[in-house]
Protein backbone atom coordinates (compact mmCIF):
# COMPACT_ATOMS: atom_id res chain seq x y z
CA UNK A 1 -98.05 53.90 -32.47
CA UNK A 2 -99.84 54.07 -35.81
CA UNK A 3 -99.46 50.37 -36.38
CA UNK A 4 -101.62 49.68 -33.31
CA UNK A 5 -104.59 51.86 -34.30
CA UNK A 6 -106.68 48.88 -35.38
CA UNK A 7 -105.96 47.15 -32.07
CA UNK A 8 -107.10 50.20 -30.07
CA UNK A 9 -110.29 50.52 -32.12
CA UNK A 10 -110.99 46.82 -31.61
CA UNK A 11 -110.45 47.05 -27.84
CA UNK A 12 -112.64 50.13 -27.47
CA UNK A 13 -115.41 48.53 -29.55
CA UNK A 14 -115.06 45.34 -27.50
CA UNK A 15 -115.52 47.35 -24.30
CA UNK A 16 -118.70 49.01 -25.62
CA UNK A 17 -120.13 45.72 -26.90
CA UNK A 18 -119.26 43.99 -23.63
CA UNK A 19 -121.03 46.72 -21.66
CA UNK A 20 -124.09 46.49 -23.91
CA UNK A 21 -124.27 42.70 -23.57
CA UNK A 22 -123.82 42.95 -19.79
CA UNK A 23 -126.69 45.45 -19.53
CA UNK A 24 -129.07 43.70 -21.92
CA UNK A 25 -128.48 40.08 -20.92
CA UNK A 26 -129.94 40.32 -17.45
CA UNK A 27 -132.79 37.98 -16.48
CA UNK A 28 -135.39 40.77 -16.13
CA UNK A 29 -134.09 42.61 -19.16
CA UNK A 30 -132.79 46.12 -19.01
CA UNK A 31 -134.26 49.54 -18.75
CA UNK A 32 -130.89 51.28 -18.38
CA UNK A 33 -131.32 53.36 -21.53
CA UNK A 34 -134.94 54.07 -20.62
CA UNK A 35 -133.90 55.36 -17.21
CA UNK A 36 -131.17 57.44 -18.83
CA UNK A 37 -133.67 58.95 -21.27
CA UNK A 38 -136.12 59.74 -18.46
CA UNK A 39 -133.40 61.45 -16.46
CA UNK A 40 -132.35 63.60 -19.40
CA UNK A 41 -135.92 64.41 -20.43
CA UNK A 42 -136.67 65.71 -16.92
CA UNK A 43 -134.39 68.68 -17.60
CA UNK A 44 -136.14 69.58 -20.87
CA UNK A 45 -139.82 69.35 -20.00
CA UNK A 46 -141.91 72.46 -19.61
CA UNK A 47 -142.93 73.52 -16.16
């Protein structure tokens, strides 16, 4: 299994890069990470 470590790293990186390109290459652009940040920041703001 050790001889395939580089292949697994490449495939995982390819999946992340593919996801990033899919999100960012939309016609209107993307605010996926902005929406994610807003959702997380809702839990940490003071009331």
